[in-house]
Structures are given as structure tokens and as C-alpha cells.
Protein backbone atom coordinates (compact mmCIF):
# COMPACT_ATOMS: atom_id res chain seq x y z
CA UNK A 1 0.00 0.00 0.00
CA UNK A 2 1.40 3.46 -0.84
CA UNK A 3 2.15 5.91 1.97
CA UNK A 4 -0.76 7.59 3.66
CA UNK A 5 -1.64 8.67 7.18
CA UNK A 6 -3.79 7.84 10.18
CA UNK A 7 -6.30 10.45 11.42
CA UNK A 8 -7.89 10.53 14.88
CA UNK A 9 -10.89 12.36 16.35
CA UNK A 10 -11.49 13.08 20.05
CA UNK A 11 -14.36 14.30 22.22
CA UNK A 12 -14.31 17.19 24.69
CA UNK A 13 -12.91 14.84 27.37
CA UNK A 14 -9.98 14.04 25.06
CA UNK A 15 -11.10 10.42 24.57
CA UNK A 16 -10.50 8.95 21.14
CA UNK A 17 -13.80 8.75 19.22
CA UNK A 18 -12.57 7.76 15.78
CA UNK A 19 -9.66 6.55 13.69
CA UNK A 20 -9.18 6.50 9.92
CA UNK A 21 -6.44 4.95 7.82
CA UNK A 22 -6.19 7.20 4.76
CA UNK A 23 -4.20 6.24 1.64
CA UNK A 24 -2.05 8.75 -0.24
CA UNK A 25 -4.82 9.16 -2.84
CA UNK A 26 -7.29 10.19 -0.10
CA UNK A 27 -9.23 6.92 -0.05
CA UNK A 28 -10.23 5.74 3.42
CA UNK A 29 -8.90 2.21 3.84
CA UNK A 30 -10.23 1.61 7.36
CA UNK A 31 -12.42 3.58 9.76
CA UNK A 32 -13.28 2.89 13.38
CA UNK A 33 -15.75 4.75 15.62
CA UNK A 34 -15.74 4.58 19.42
CA UNK A 35 -18.78 5.34 21.60
CA UNK A 36 -18.54 5.75 25.38
CA UNK A 37 -21.26 4.93 27.92
CA UNK A 38 -19.84 5.11 31.42
CA UNK A 39 -17.12 2.48 31.65
CA UNK A 40 -18.40 0.64 28.54
CA UNK A 41 -16.87 1.37 25.14
CA UNK A 42 -18.42 0.24 21.84
CA UNK A 43 -16.15 0.05 18.81
CA UNK A 44 -17.56 -0.14 15.27
CA UNK A 45 -15.40 -0.92 12.25
CA UNK A 46 -16.57 0.48 8.92
CA UNK A 47 -17.57 -0.42 6.27
CA UNK A 48 -18.37 -3.84 7.74
CA UNK A 49 -20.25 -2.26 10.70
CA UNK A 50 -18.84 -4.90 13.04
CA UNK A 51 -19.48 -3.96 16.66
CA UNK A 52 -17.46 -5.05 19.62
CA UNK A 53 -17.47 -3.59 23.10
CA UNK A 54 -15.53 -3.80 26.29
CA UNK A 55 -16.06 -2.68 29.87
CA UNK A 56 -13.31 -1.03 31.85
CA UNK A 57 -12.64 -1.08 35.55
CA UNK A 58 -12.54 2.15 37.52
CA UNK A 59 -8.75 2.00 37.13
CA UNK A 60 -8.95 2.10 33.34
CA UNK A 61 -8.03 -1.44 32.35
CA UNK A 62 -10.46 -3.60 30.38
CA UNK A 63 -12.16 -6.33 32.43
CA UNK A 64 -14.62 -7.78 29.90
CA UNK A 65 -14.84 -7.96 26.11
CA UNK A 66 -18.10 -8.53 24.21
CA UNK A 67 -17.67 -9.80 20.66
CA UNK A 68 -19.83 -9.01 17.61
CA UNK A 69 -22.00 -12.08 18.37
CA UNK A 70 -22.86 -10.62 21.79
CA UNK A 71 -20.84 -13.13 23.82
CA UNK A 72 -19.06 -11.75 26.88
CA UNK A 73 -15.50 -12.85 27.57
CA UNK A 74 -14.16 -11.86 31.02
CA UNK A 75 -10.49 -10.98 31.02
CA UNK A 76 -8.23 -12.68 33.53
CA UNK A 77 -6.38 -10.24 35.72
CA UNK A 78 -2.85 -10.97 36.85
CA UNK A 79 -0.99 -9.41 39.71
CA UNK A 80 2.77 -9.03 39.62
CA UNK A 81 4.77 -8.44 42.76
CA UNK A 82 7.91 -6.36 42.63
CA UNK A 83 10.80 -7.87 44.62
């Protein structure tokens, strides 16, 4: 693929709300939209309109992922101790 660029959009809280991969000729190769609802984030890929979502903990890390089929997949958390 020839050189191009990646463009991002953000809301007033400085959260990313969109991403586009734009080719050198101006054609959009990939676009993603992000929608926030509390700690839940829904991500839609265009043009396929495939939705996926994830829920974040109060500390910011994801703790559950929901795939396009609507199935929830809890994420396993690991704790590392520092010697």
C-alpha cells in the first residue's frame, strides 16, 4: 500500500472517538468509531459495521470484552509483585 496517514478524532474529554487509515490518494482504507457509555466502550469498524465492546474497571483497564456475536469474555487479571 502506498504511503498515507492515520487520522484521529477526540471528544471534549480528550477520549479517542474515531480513527481513519487514509491512503495517499485520499481513499479511506479503514475507519473505526468509538462510543462511550460510562465504563463501557463500543467500537464499530466500517464499512463492515462490526461492533465489539468492552467494559473497563474504575482504574482504566479492560475487564470484559463482548464480541460481535454478543458473547461476553471476562479478562483474567494478573498481579505481579515487585521484589
